[in-house]
Amino acid sequence: MEGSPEAPVFLHVGEEVYNLLPVPGDRAVCCLFQQVTVYYNRTRDTLDQAIMASQAKTTFLSEMSHDIRTPMGAIVGLTDIALAQEGAPTKVSECLEKIKVASGHMMSLLNEVLDMSRIESGRVQIQAEPTNIADLLHEILIVAKPQAASGGLQFVLDMGRIACENLTLDAVRLKQVCLNLLSNAVKYTPKGGRVELSFAVLPAGDNTVTMHVQVKDNGIGMSREFLMKLFTPFEREEKSSVHRIQGTGLGMTITKNLVELMGGQIQVESETDKGSCFTLDIPFPAGSDPEPDSSLKGCRALLLDSDERQAGLTLALLEELGLSCDRASSADDAVMLVNDSGIMGTEYQFLLTADKLQGAEITILLSELRGRLGPQLPILLLTASDWSQIEYVFTRSGVDGFIPLPLFKSKLAQSLAAHLGGGSRQAIAEPARCDLSGLRLLLAEDNELNREIAGELIGDAGAEIDFAEDGQQAVDMFTESLPGTYDAILMDVQMPVMNGLEATARLRSLQRPDAKTVPIIAMTANAFVEDVKKSLEAGMNAHLSKPLDIDKVLSTIDGLTRGRQT
């Protein structure tokens, strides 16, 4: 017998199936038996076929992901190699840059289709781990702001209260949700428009917080009729302004499902030709924020900022860190405060400045203040601009370092502590590409083109590389080498003869001193969460998905091998 109180009850008698229909009476319940064998079998067959079709689709898309990512990895890798060559004609460089952009767009479309398939089959998993909100938001802005700028749009960030900076969440999925909303706002807002991002982390009680994210634009908007179908897969509004914009119609469906998987809610308001507003509210467990450096307490700072709102936020954070602060909203105020400081015999431990100040050319003013305040006073720039693009000008005006906006308490405290007493400018230097000189690596990869690309890109960092064409050959080469020969092993997963997971398990089981400790890194087109889990369970130390980000590959190798060299 099978069924539930809400569903029909079926009774199996031999090969026959009967539907039980309860008929309540005064003193008892009578059951009527209705033979439904043909209907039941037909329905069961239909259900089984639907399940098999869904499983087949998911398997097909998973295999397609691997098969497409492999040649895409070659395209991206060869493009990187070509761009690194000096003396290429301008037109060739421009074409290569466009190939790189188009490759990234193709990968994003592929990922959307795969994400939708996995959501439908219930295979998407949320991997929550401790995350710093400051780092997360800066990573989102690094992508979103250039997109808005390239579209000729004004990008505005409105920071609300940040009750806690360290949360437990799936940073990859949350970034995907936020960037989906922001990229849509940019795509559907004509040049000269405005995109606003509001961000806050609000207390919710019981050691939880609510992340409030709002993305608003004044673009083409959506009709009331289309709003009813907005979160339906593959739906796009039928109007001429949309047809010119690339997309699959899956982004919003994926966004809604991911938000709900994280336990949150998404709301949307929109009106044709007036814009759209998406609002997310997602609960997260709160972590513990570290205590600020006690050496900052009692320090005195001078803040140069004409923006009332930003200055208010900065002053509040400085007060929380135990600093006293004078604020100058113009060049005249700044000169007056510096003069008063000299007359009164008081000293500033820090000078914090915005990149613009009312009534002044800020770089000239900073040069003058540097001369008055001496070489030891740290001057730190508060800016939302790309530091690499403005570093040359500002460092020659006396600036020692920068603190990125939006401003977070933890990042402000770290920067101030690093420069207390005249910290070095070297503390903020951009990290150089990793140098792998002296390392010997074993790369297992069955695709000849991928071997060539990986060998050239990684070899350019100074590493010596031996190649294996399958997992069995990798195991044999490692076994026949002397202990300590290889500093790390780069392992593809899907290979003939023996796959990467089995090869890793064999390597870890070898009775030699380096078998358990040699770093093994998966470099594979298998990019899903469960693929990462399988790699780690097999004994690998890291999992890198194709197409490979060469800087990430090098930093991973460097991080896992540091200290192993003799």
Protein backbone atom coordinates (compact mmCIF):
# COMPACT_ATOMS: atom_id res chain seq x y z
CA MET A 1 0.00 0.00 0.00
CA GLU A 2 1.27 3.49 -0.79
CA GLY A 3 0.01 7.05 -0.46
CA SER A 4 -0.45 9.85 2.06
CA PRO A 5 -3.38 11.74 3.61
CA GLU A 6 -3.06 14.38 0.87
CA ALA A 7 -2.58 11.92 -2.02
CA PRO A 8 -4.49 8.92 -3.42
CA VAL A 9 -4.00 5.60 -1.61
CA PHE A 10 -3.08 2.64 -3.84
CA LEU A 11 -3.39 -1.03 -2.87
CA HIS A 12 -1.28 -3.58 -4.75
CA VAL A 13 -2.82 -7.06 -5.05
CA GLY A 14 -0.53 -9.19 -7.18
CA GLU A 15 -0.16 -7.37 -10.46
CA GLU A 16 -3.38 -5.41 -10.00
CA VAL A 17 -3.55 -1.91 -8.48
CA TYR A 18 -6.63 -0.52 -6.73
CA ASN A 19 -7.42 3.00 -5.61
CA LEU A 20 -8.96 3.17 -2.12
CA LEU A 21 -11.73 5.73 -1.79
CA PRO A 22 -12.69 6.24 1.91
CA VAL A 23 -16.38 7.00 2.51
CA PRO A 24 -16.99 8.26 6.09
CA GLY A 25 -20.08 6.85 7.82
CA ASP A 26 -21.76 7.43 11.17
CA ARG A 27 -19.93 4.63 12.95
CA ALA A 28 -17.29 3.51 10.48
CA VAL A 29 -15.41 4.41 7.34
CA CYS A 30 -16.15 2.36 4.27
CA CYS A 31 -13.54 1.97 1.53
CA LEU A 32 -14.45 1.58 -2.11
CA PHE A 33 -11.95 -0.23 -4.34
CA GLN A 34 -11.46 1.04 -7.87
CA GLN A 35 -9.18 -0.83 -10.25
CA VAL A 36 -6.66 1.62 -11.74
CA THR A 37 -3.94 -0.76 -12.92
CA VAL A 38 -3.68 0.65 -16.46
CA TYR A 39 -3.78 4.28 -15.29
CA TYR A 40 -1.27 3.60 -12.51
CA ASN A 41 1.21 1.79 -14.77
CA ARG A 42 0.93 4.45 -17.48
CA THR A 43 1.49 7.24 -14.93
CA ARG A 44 4.37 5.38 -13.32
CA ASP A 45 6.01 4.83 -16.72
CA THR A 46 5.59 8.53 -17.57
CA LEU A 47 7.14 9.54 -14.27
CA ASP A 48 10.06 7.14 -14.72
CA GLN A 49 10.66 8.46 -18.22
CA ALA A 50 10.60 12.06 -16.98
CA ILE A 51 13.11 11.23 -14.23
CA MET A 52 15.38 9.44 -16.70
CA ALA A 53 15.14 12.34 -19.16
CA SER A 54 16.02 14.83 -16.43
CA GLN A 55 18.98 12.73 -15.34
CA ALA A 56 20.10 12.32 -18.95
CA LYS A 57 19.89 16.09 -19.51
CA THR A 58 21.93 16.81 -16.38
CA THR A 59 24.54 14.21 -17.37
CA PHE A 60 24.69 15.58 -20.91
CA LEU A 61 25.14 19.17 -19.69
CA SER A 62 27.82 18.10 -17.23
CA GLU A 63 29.72 16.28 -19.98
CA MET A 64 29.19 19.23 -22.31
CA SER A 65 30.65 21.52 -19.64
CA HIS A 66 33.87 19.50 -19.58
CA ASP A 67 34.05 19.20 -23.37
CA ILE A 68 33.51 22.93 -23.92
CA ARG A 69 35.75 24.09 -21.09
CA THR A 70 38.68 22.11 -22.49
CA PRO A 71 38.92 23.97 -25.84
CA MET A 72 37.93 27.21 -24.11
CA GLY A 73 40.93 26.73 -21.85
CA ALA A 74 43.11 26.45 -24.93
CA ILE A 75 41.61 29.62 -26.43
CA VAL A 76 42.11 31.62 -23.22
CA GLY A 77 45.61 30.24 -22.67
CA LEU A 78 46.81 30.88 -26.21
CA THR A 79 45.33 34.38 -26.06
CA ASP A 80 47.27 35.10 -22.86
CA ILE A 81 50.47 33.83 -24.47
CA ALA A 82 49.91 35.98 -27.56
CA LEU A 83 49.14 39.09 -25.48
CA ALA A 84 52.36 38.59 -23.53
CA GLN A 85 54.46 38.82 -26.70
CA GLU A 86 56.16 42.17 -27.23
CA GLY A 87 56.03 44.08 -30.47
CA ALA A 88 52.65 42.81 -31.67
CA PRO A 89 50.84 45.19 -34.07
CA THR A 90 48.15 47.31 -32.44
CA LYS A 91 45.38 45.76 -34.53
CA VAL A 92 46.46 42.24 -33.49
CA SER A 93 46.50 43.23 -29.81
CA GLU A 94 43.03 44.74 -30.15
CA CYS A 95 41.72 41.54 -31.74
CA LEU A 96 43.28 39.41 -29.00
CA GLU A 97 41.69 41.57 -26.29
CA LYS A 98 38.30 41.14 -27.99
CA ILE A 99 38.83 37.36 -28.19
CA LYS A 100 39.51 37.34 -24.46
CA VAL A 101 36.34 39.32 -23.73
CA ALA A 102 34.25 37.10 -26.03
CA SER A 103 35.68 33.97 -24.37
CA GLY A 104 34.65 35.29 -20.98
CA HIS A 105 31.14 36.00 -22.27
CA MET A 106 30.84 32.50 -23.72
CA MET A 107 31.89 30.98 -20.40
CA SER A 108 29.31 33.06 -18.53
CA LEU A 109 26.55 31.84 -20.89
CA LEU A 110 27.67 28.24 -20.44
CA ASN A 111 27.72 28.62 -16.68
CA GLU A 112 24.18 30.03 -16.68
CA VAL A 113 22.82 27.06 -18.62
CA LEU A 114 24.62 24.60 -16.35
CA ASP A 115 23.54 26.42 -13.19
CA MET A 116 19.91 26.32 -14.33
CA SER A 117 20.10 22.60 -15.06
CA ARG A 118 21.60 21.88 -11.66
CA ILE A 119 19.05 24.03 -9.87
CA GLU A 120 16.24 22.14 -11.59
CA SER A 121 17.75 18.81 -10.51
CA GLY A 122 18.35 20.01 -6.94
CA ARG A 123 22.13 19.54 -7.20
CA VAL A 124 23.22 23.10 -6.41
CA GLN A 125 24.87 23.22 -3.00
CA ILE A 126 25.53 26.27 -0.84
CA GLN A 127 29.06 26.09 0.60
CA ALA A 128 29.07 28.50 3.54
CA GLU A 129 32.37 29.50 5.09
CA PRO A 130 33.74 32.46 7.08
CA THR A 131 33.94 35.51 4.80
CA ASN A 132 35.02 39.11 5.27
CA ILE A 133 32.38 41.45 3.85
CA ALA A 134 34.93 44.15 3.03
CA ASP A 135 36.84 41.80 0.72
CA LEU A 136 33.60 40.50 -0.81
CA LEU A 137 32.22 43.95 -1.61
CA HIS A 138 35.52 45.17 -3.04
CA GLU A 139 35.62 42.13 -5.36
CA ILE A 140 32.09 42.95 -6.55
CA LEU A 141 32.99 46.60 -7.17
CA ILE A 142 36.15 45.67 -9.08
CA VAL A 143 33.89 44.04 -11.69
CA ALA A 144 30.80 46.27 -11.55
CA LYS A 145 32.36 49.74 -11.63
CA PRO A 146 34.38 49.24 -14.84
CA GLN A 147 31.29 47.75 -16.49
CA ALA A 148 29.29 50.87 -15.62
CA ALA A 149 32.11 53.17 -16.74
CA SER A 150 32.47 51.40 -20.10
CA GLY A 151 28.73 51.87 -20.64
CA GLY A 152 28.94 55.59 -19.92
CA LEU A 153 26.95 55.25 -16.70
CA GLN A 154 27.23 56.91 -13.31
CA PHE A 155 27.82 54.33 -10.57
CA VAL A 156 26.79 55.24 -7.02
CA LEU A 157 27.46 53.21 -3.88
CA ASP A 158 25.33 53.92 -0.81
CA MET A 159 26.80 52.25 2.28
CA GLY A 160 24.48 51.60 5.19
CA ARG A 161 25.24 50.25 8.62
CA ILE A 162 27.68 47.34 8.82
CA ALA A 163 26.78 45.55 12.06
CA CYS A 164 29.33 42.79 11.47
CA GLU A 165 32.10 42.38 8.90
CA ASN A 166 32.77 38.65 9.29
CA LEU A 167 29.88 36.42 8.20
CA THR A 168 29.39 32.76 7.33
CA LEU A 169 28.20 32.54 3.71
CA ASP A 170 28.87 31.20 0.23
CA ALA A 171 30.93 34.06 -1.19
CA VAL A 172 30.96 32.65 -4.74
CA ARG A 173 27.17 32.36 -4.96
CA LEU A 174 26.56 35.72 -3.26
CA LYS A 175 28.92 37.45 -5.69
CA GLN A 176 27.12 35.70 -8.55
CA VAL A 177 23.78 37.04 -7.35
CA CYS A 178 25.02 40.62 -6.88
CA LEU A 179 26.89 40.70 -10.19
CA ASN A 180 23.86 39.29 -12.03
CA LEU A 181 21.76 42.20 -10.75
CA LEU A 182 24.44 44.82 -11.41
CA SER A 183 25.33 43.56 -14.89
CA ASN A 184 21.64 43.57 -15.81
CA ALA A 185 21.30 47.13 -14.53
CA VAL A 186 24.28 48.17 -16.65
CA LYS A 187 23.05 46.28 -19.75
CA TYR A 188 19.55 47.74 -19.66
CA THR A 189 20.45 51.34 -18.79
CA PRO A 190 21.28 53.64 -21.74
CA LYS A 191 24.43 55.74 -21.82
CA GLY A 192 24.28 58.69 -19.44
CA GLY A 193 22.10 56.78 -16.96
CA ARG A 194 22.68 55.88 -13.32
CA VAL A 195 23.15 52.62 -11.43
CA GLU A 196 22.94 52.63 -7.63
CA LEU A 197 24.06 49.91 -5.23
CA SER A 198 22.90 50.09 -1.62
CA PHE A 199 24.61 47.74 0.82
CA ALA A 200 24.09 47.15 4.54
CA VAL A 201 24.49 44.42 7.16
CA LEU A 202 21.83 44.86 9.82
CA PRO A 203 21.48 43.08 13.20
CA ALA A 204 18.72 40.46 13.31
CA GLY A 205 19.20 38.96 16.79
CA ASP A 206 20.37 35.52 17.97
CA ASN A 207 23.84 36.00 16.50
CA THR A 208 22.44 36.54 13.01
CA VAL A 209 22.40 39.50 10.66
CA THR A 210 20.46 40.43 7.53
CA MET A 211 22.35 41.52 4.46
CA HIS A 212 20.36 44.18 2.64
CA VAL A 213 21.32 44.74 -0.99
CA GLN A 214 19.48 47.01 -3.38
CA VAL A 215 20.32 47.57 -7.06
CA LYS A 216 18.49 50.44 -8.71
CA ASP A 217 18.75 51.94 -12.19
CA ASN A 218 16.95 54.47 -14.37
CA GLY A 219 17.10 52.32 -17.50
CA ILE A 220 14.48 50.89 -19.85
CA GLY A 221 12.56 49.12 -17.08
CA MET A 222 9.99 46.35 -17.51
CA SER A 223 6.28 46.23 -18.14
CA ARG A 224 3.88 45.03 -15.46
CA GLU A 225 2.98 42.03 -17.64
CA PHE A 226 6.60 40.92 -18.00
CA LEU A 227 7.24 41.24 -14.26
CA MET A 228 4.88 38.29 -13.81
CA LYS A 229 7.25 36.16 -15.95
CA LEU A 230 10.57 37.71 -14.91
CA PHE A 231 11.83 34.67 -12.98
CA THR A 232 10.69 32.11 -15.59
CA PRO A 233 13.59 30.39 -17.42
CA PHE A 234 14.49 31.71 -20.89
CA GLU A 235 11.96 34.57 -20.70
CA ARG A 236 12.97 37.91 -22.22
CA GLU A 237 10.71 40.87 -22.82
CA GLU A 238 9.70 41.31 -26.45
CA LYS A 239 10.80 44.83 -27.34
CA SER A 240 13.36 46.25 -29.75
CA SER A 241 15.62 47.69 -27.04
CA VAL A 242 16.12 44.20 -25.56
CA HIS A 243 16.79 42.29 -28.79
CA ARG A 244 20.10 44.09 -29.27
CA ILE A 245 21.36 42.92 -25.85
CA GLN A 246 22.95 39.49 -25.47
CA GLY A 247 21.61 37.06 -22.87
CA THR A 248 19.98 33.69 -22.26
CA GLY A 249 17.05 34.79 -20.13
CA LEU A 250 18.36 32.63 -17.27
CA GLY A 251 20.13 35.17 -15.08
CA MET A 252 17.14 36.25 -13.01
CA THR A 253 15.84 32.69 -12.61
CA ILE A 254 19.23 31.61 -11.27
CA THR A 255 19.41 34.68 -9.03
CA LYS A 256 16.02 34.02 -7.45
CA ASN A 257 16.79 30.35 -6.85
CA LEU A 258 20.17 31.09 -5.30
CA VAL A 259 18.71 33.75 -3.03
CA GLU A 260 16.05 31.31 -1.84
CA LEU A 261 18.66 28.55 -1.35
CA MET A 262 20.49 30.96 0.96
CA GLY A 263 17.25 31.53 2.88
CA GLY A 264 16.64 35.03 1.55
CA GLN A 265 14.01 36.95 -0.38
CA ILE A 266 14.13 39.00 -3.56
CA GLN A 267 11.68 41.75 -4.54
CA VAL A 268 11.47 43.80 -7.71
CA GLU A 269 9.80 47.03 -8.72
CA SER A 270 9.94 48.29 -12.28
CA GLU A 271 8.23 50.60 -14.73
CA THR A 272 8.77 50.89 -18.46
CA ASP A 273 11.24 53.65 -19.40
CA LYS A 274 11.75 54.62 -15.75
CA GLY A 275 14.01 51.85 -14.46
CA SER A 276 14.05 48.91 -12.07
CA CYS A 277 14.84 48.29 -8.41
CA PHE A 278 15.80 44.87 -7.03
CA THR A 279 15.96 44.35 -3.26
CA LEU A 280 17.58 41.39 -1.51
CA ASP A 281 17.32 40.51 2.17
CA ILE A 282 19.37 37.46 3.14
CA PRO A 283 20.02 36.20 6.70
CA PHE A 284 23.51 35.01 7.65
CA PRO A 285 25.20 33.81 10.84
CA ALA A 286 27.40 36.55 12.28
CA GLY A 287 31.05 35.88 13.02
CA SER A 288 33.29 37.67 15.50
CA ASP A 289 35.11 40.80 14.36
CA PRO A 290 38.68 41.14 15.70
CA GLU A 291 39.46 43.79 18.28
CA PRO A 292 41.22 46.84 16.75
CA ASP A 293 44.86 47.46 17.48
CA SER A 294 45.03 49.09 20.93
CA SER A 295 48.03 51.19 19.84
CA LEU A 296 45.65 53.37 17.79
CA LYS A 297 43.78 54.58 20.88
CA GLY A 298 44.62 58.15 21.74
CA CYS A 299 46.08 58.93 18.31
CA ARG A 300 45.06 62.10 16.50
CA ALA A 301 44.21 62.38 12.82
CA LEU A 302 43.49 65.16 10.35
CA LEU A 303 40.80 64.37 7.76
CA LEU A 304 40.51 66.31 4.48
CA ASP A 305 37.10 65.64 2.93
CA SER A 306 34.43 67.93 1.45
CA ASP A 307 31.82 65.16 1.18
CA GLU A 308 29.61 65.48 4.25
CA ARG A 309 28.27 61.92 4.11
CA GLN A 310 31.61 60.19 3.55
CA ALA A 311 33.34 62.39 6.10
CA GLY A 312 30.67 61.51 8.66
CA LEU A 313 31.21 57.78 8.08
CA THR A 314 34.99 58.14 8.35
CA LEU A 315 34.80 60.20 11.55
CA ALA A 316 32.45 57.66 13.14
CA LEU A 317 34.83 54.76 12.36
CA LEU A 318 37.85 56.70 13.66
CA GLU A 319 35.98 57.40 16.89
CA GLU A 320 35.14 53.69 17.25
CA LEU A 321 38.87 52.92 16.89
CA GLY A 322 39.67 55.35 19.70
CA LEU A 323 41.17 58.17 17.61
CA SER A 324 40.37 61.86 17.88
CA CYS A 325 40.04 63.65 14.55
CA ASP A 326 39.92 67.17 13.12
CA ARG A 327 38.15 67.57 9.82
CA ALA A 328 38.85 70.08 7.06
CA SER A 329 36.19 70.49 4.39
CA SER A 330 38.24 72.94 2.30
CA ALA A 331 41.85 73.91 1.59
CA ASP A 332 41.56 76.96 3.86
CA ASP A 333 40.33 74.76 6.74
CA ALA A 334 43.24 72.37 6.20
CA VAL A 335 45.87 75.13 6.31
CA MET A 336 44.27 76.67 9.40
CA LEU A 337 44.21 73.37 11.30
CA VAL A 338 47.83 72.63 10.43
CA ASN A 339 48.87 76.12 11.56
CA ASP A 340 46.91 75.75 14.82
CA SER A 341 48.54 72.40 15.41
CA GLY A 342 51.98 74.00 15.13
CA ILE A 343 51.07 76.90 17.42
CA MET A 344 49.47 74.68 20.08
CA GLY A 345 52.32 72.18 19.98
CA THR A 346 50.00 69.24 19.24
CA GLU A 347 50.80 66.61 16.69
CA TYR A 348 48.85 64.54 14.20
CA GLN A 349 49.73 60.85 13.86
CA PHE A 350 47.83 60.52 10.54
CA LEU A 351 46.59 62.67 7.68
CA LEU A 352 43.67 61.09 5.82
CA THR A 353 42.55 62.73 2.60
CA ALA A 354 39.94 62.33 -0.11
CA ASP A 355 41.12 62.53 -3.72
CA LYS A 356 39.24 65.83 -4.16
CA LEU A 357 38.88 68.82 -1.82
CA GLN A 358 36.89 72.01 -2.16
CA GLY A 359 38.98 75.04 -3.17
CA ALA A 360 42.18 73.10 -3.87
CA GLU A 361 44.15 71.11 -6.39
CA ILE A 362 44.60 68.23 -3.97
CA THR A 363 48.00 67.06 -5.22
CA ILE A 364 49.49 70.56 -4.82
CA LEU A 365 47.93 70.98 -1.37
CA LEU A 366 49.28 67.62 -0.20
CA SER A 367 52.79 68.55 -1.35
CA GLU A 368 52.59 71.75 0.71
CA LEU A 369 51.24 69.93 3.77
CA ARG A 370 53.96 67.30 3.49
CA GLY A 371 56.53 70.09 3.67
CA ARG A 372 54.92 71.59 6.77
CA LEU A 373 54.19 68.37 8.66
CA GLY A 374 57.46 66.60 7.95
CA PRO A 375 58.41 63.34 6.22
CA GLN A 376 57.38 61.01 9.05
CA LEU A 377 53.64 61.76 9.13
CA PRO A 378 51.72 59.06 7.20
CA ILE A 379 49.47 60.56 4.53
CA LEU A 380 46.81 58.07 3.41
CA LEU A 381 44.44 58.54 0.49
CA LEU A 382 40.78 57.48 0.85
CA THR A 383 39.61 56.68 -2.67
CA ALA A 384 37.28 54.51 -4.70
CA SER A 385 39.57 54.87 -7.74
CA ASP A 386 41.95 52.21 -9.00
CA TRP A 387 45.13 52.89 -7.01
CA SER A 388 47.37 51.54 -9.78
CA GLN A 389 46.12 54.30 -12.11
CA ILE A 390 46.67 57.20 -9.70
CA GLU A 391 49.59 55.92 -7.61
CA TYR A 392 52.27 57.70 -9.64
CA VAL A 393 50.72 61.16 -9.20
CA PHE A 394 49.77 60.86 -5.54
CA THR A 395 52.97 59.22 -4.26
CA ARG A 396 54.89 62.13 -5.76
CA SER A 397 52.60 64.48 -3.87
CA GLY A 398 53.59 62.94 -0.57
CA VAL A 399 51.00 60.18 -0.19
CA ASP A 400 52.30 57.05 1.58
CA GLY A 401 49.43 54.69 0.84
CA PHE A 402 45.75 54.33 0.15
CA ILE A 403 42.68 52.91 1.85
CA PRO A 404 39.97 51.73 -0.58
CA LEU A 405 36.42 52.99 -0.38
CA PRO A 406 33.89 51.91 0.74
CA LEU A 407 35.50 52.19 4.15
CA PHE A 408 35.35 49.30 6.59
CA LYS A 409 36.43 49.42 10.20
CA SER A 410 38.76 46.42 9.94
CA LYS A 411 40.52 47.69 6.79
CA LEU A 412 40.86 51.19 8.25
CA ALA A 413 42.37 49.79 11.45
CA GLN A 414 44.82 47.56 9.52
CA SER A 415 46.01 50.43 7.32
CA LEU A 416 46.43 52.85 10.22
CA ALA A 417 48.30 50.28 12.32
CA ALA A 418 50.61 49.45 9.39
CA HIS A 419 51.56 53.14 8.99
CA LEU A 420 51.68 54.13 12.65
CA GLY A 421 54.95 55.94 13.27
CA GLY A 422 55.67 56.36 9.56
CA GLY A 423 55.01 52.98 7.91
CA SER A 424 56.65 52.10 4.63
CA ARG A 425 55.02 52.62 1.28
CA GLN A 426 56.13 49.11 0.39
CA ALA A 427 53.27 47.77 2.55
CA ILE A 428 50.77 48.74 -0.16
CA ALA A 429 52.73 47.71 -3.23
CA GLU A 430 50.91 45.57 -5.73
CA PRO A 431 51.97 41.92 -5.46
CA ALA A 432 54.27 40.78 -8.24
CA ARG A 433 53.58 37.65 -10.27
CA CYS A 434 54.90 34.63 -8.39
CA ASP A 435 58.45 33.46 -9.12
CA LEU A 436 58.61 29.66 -9.26
CA SER A 437 62.31 29.44 -10.03
CA GLY A 438 63.90 26.32 -8.56
CA LEU A 439 60.66 24.31 -8.53
CA ARG A 440 60.25 21.07 -10.46
CA LEU A 441 56.66 20.15 -11.28
CA LEU A 442 54.94 17.09 -12.73
CA LEU A 443 52.01 17.96 -15.02
CA ALA A 444 49.54 15.17 -15.91
CA GLU A 445 47.41 16.23 -18.89
CA ASP A 446 46.15 14.10 -21.78
CA ASN A 447 45.47 17.01 -24.15
CA GLU A 448 48.62 17.92 -26.07
CA LEU A 449 47.58 21.54 -26.65
CA ASN A 450 46.74 22.03 -22.98
CA ARG A 451 50.15 20.60 -22.03
CA GLU A 452 51.85 23.06 -24.35
CA ILE A 453 49.89 26.06 -23.00
CA ALA A 454 50.32 25.15 -19.34
CA GLY A 455 53.99 24.40 -19.89
CA GLU A 456 54.66 27.78 -21.45
CA LEU A 457 52.62 29.88 -19.01
CA ILE A 458 53.91 28.13 -15.88
CA GLY A 459 57.40 27.73 -17.33
CA ASP A 460 57.59 31.51 -17.83
CA ALA A 461 57.45 31.79 -14.02
CA GLY A 462 60.71 29.84 -13.77
CA ALA A 463 59.51 26.31 -12.96
CA GLU A 464 60.90 23.15 -14.59
CA ILE A 465 58.08 20.87 -15.80
CA ASP A 466 57.91 17.15 -16.62
CA PHE A 467 54.85 15.92 -18.53
CA ALA A 468 52.67 12.82 -18.19
CA GLU A 469 49.94 11.96 -20.70
CA ASP A 470 47.66 10.08 -18.31
CA GLY A 471 47.25 9.21 -14.64
CA GLN A 472 49.11 5.89 -14.86
CA GLN A 473 52.12 7.56 -16.45
CA ALA A 474 52.09 10.21 -13.71
CA VAL A 475 52.10 7.52 -11.00
CA ASP A 476 54.96 5.67 -12.77
CA MET A 477 57.06 8.83 -13.18
CA PHE A 478 56.61 9.80 -9.54
CA THR A 479 57.34 6.25 -8.35
CA GLU A 480 60.54 6.02 -10.41
CA SER A 481 61.84 9.42 -9.25
CA LEU A 482 63.91 10.00 -6.14
CA PRO A 483 62.02 11.29 -3.06
CA GLY A 484 61.77 15.06 -3.18
CA THR A 485 62.23 15.28 -6.95
CA TYR A 486 58.88 16.96 -7.52
CA ASP A 487 57.78 20.02 -5.53
CA ALA A 488 54.16 19.70 -6.75
CA ILE A 489 51.96 17.69 -9.11
CA LEU A 490 49.41 19.33 -11.43
CA MET A 491 46.69 16.76 -12.17
CA ASP A 492 43.95 16.75 -14.78
CA VAL A 493 40.94 14.69 -13.67
CA GLN A 494 39.45 13.18 -16.82
CA MET A 495 42.27 11.22 -18.50
CA PRO A 496 42.50 7.85 -20.29
CA VAL A 497 44.07 4.72 -18.73
CA MET A 498 43.77 6.16 -15.22
CA ASN A 499 41.88 9.31 -14.21
CA GLY A 500 43.28 11.98 -11.93
CA LEU A 501 41.27 10.96 -8.86
CA GLU A 502 42.50 7.36 -8.99
CA ALA A 503 46.05 8.47 -9.76
CA THR A 504 46.01 10.77 -6.72
CA ALA A 505 44.76 7.96 -4.47
CA ARG A 506 47.55 5.69 -5.80
CA LEU A 507 50.18 8.35 -5.19
CA ARG A 508 49.01 8.98 -1.64
CA SER A 509 49.20 5.24 -0.87
CA LEU A 510 52.84 4.86 -1.96
CA GLN A 511 55.32 3.88 0.76
CA ARG A 512 57.78 6.73 0.36
CA PRO A 513 58.36 9.84 2.50
CA ASP A 514 57.03 12.44 0.03
CA ALA A 515 53.92 10.55 -1.13
CA LYS A 516 51.72 11.94 1.63
CA THR A 517 53.09 15.49 1.55
CA VAL A 518 53.74 16.45 -2.08
CA PRO A 519 51.11 19.07 -3.09
CA ILE A 520 48.70 17.76 -5.75
CA ILE A 521 46.60 20.37 -7.56
CA ALA A 522 43.62 19.53 -9.74
CA MET A 523 43.55 21.56 -12.98
CA THR A 524 40.37 20.39 -14.65
CA ALA A 525 37.31 21.37 -16.62
CA ASN A 526 35.16 19.75 -13.89
CA ALA A 527 34.06 22.92 -12.13
CA PHE A 528 31.15 22.05 -9.84
CA VAL A 529 31.12 22.03 -6.05
CA GLU A 530 30.92 18.25 -5.87
CA ASP A 531 33.89 18.03 -8.29
CA VAL A 532 35.94 20.11 -5.85
CA LYS A 533 34.79 17.84 -3.01
CA LYS A 534 35.82 14.70 -4.92
CA SER A 535 39.26 16.16 -5.63
CA LEU A 536 39.88 16.98 -1.98
CA GLU A 537 38.54 13.60 -0.81
CA ALA A 538 40.93 11.85 -3.22
CA GLY A 539 43.86 13.57 -1.51
CA MET A 540 44.41 16.69 -3.61
CA ASN A 541 45.35 19.97 -1.94
CA ALA A 542 43.55 22.37 -4.28
CA HIS A 543 41.14 22.42 -7.24
CA LEU A 544 41.51 24.91 -10.12
CA SER A 545 38.85 25.06 -12.85
CA LYS A 546 39.49 25.57 -16.56
CA PRO A 547 39.81 27.94 -18.31
CA LEU A 548 42.75 28.58 -15.97
CA ASP A 549 43.47 31.93 -14.39
CA ILE A 550 47.26 31.83 -14.68
CA ASP A 551 47.83 34.22 -11.77
CA LYS A 552 45.67 32.00 -9.56
CA VAL A 553 47.54 28.91 -10.75
CA LEU A 554 50.91 30.46 -9.94
CA SER A 555 49.81 31.78 -6.55
CA THR A 556 48.35 28.37 -5.64
CA ILE A 557 51.57 26.58 -6.57
CA ASP A 558 53.61 29.18 -4.70
CA GLY A 559 51.44 28.96 -1.60
CA LEU A 560 51.54 25.15 -1.44
CA THR A 561 55.25 24.81 -2.17
CA ARG A 562 56.62 27.66 -0.06
CA GLY A 563 58.90 26.18 2.58
CA ARG A 564 59.33 22.84 0.74
CA GLN A 565 62.40 24.01 -1.18
CA THR A 566 65.72 23.20 0.40
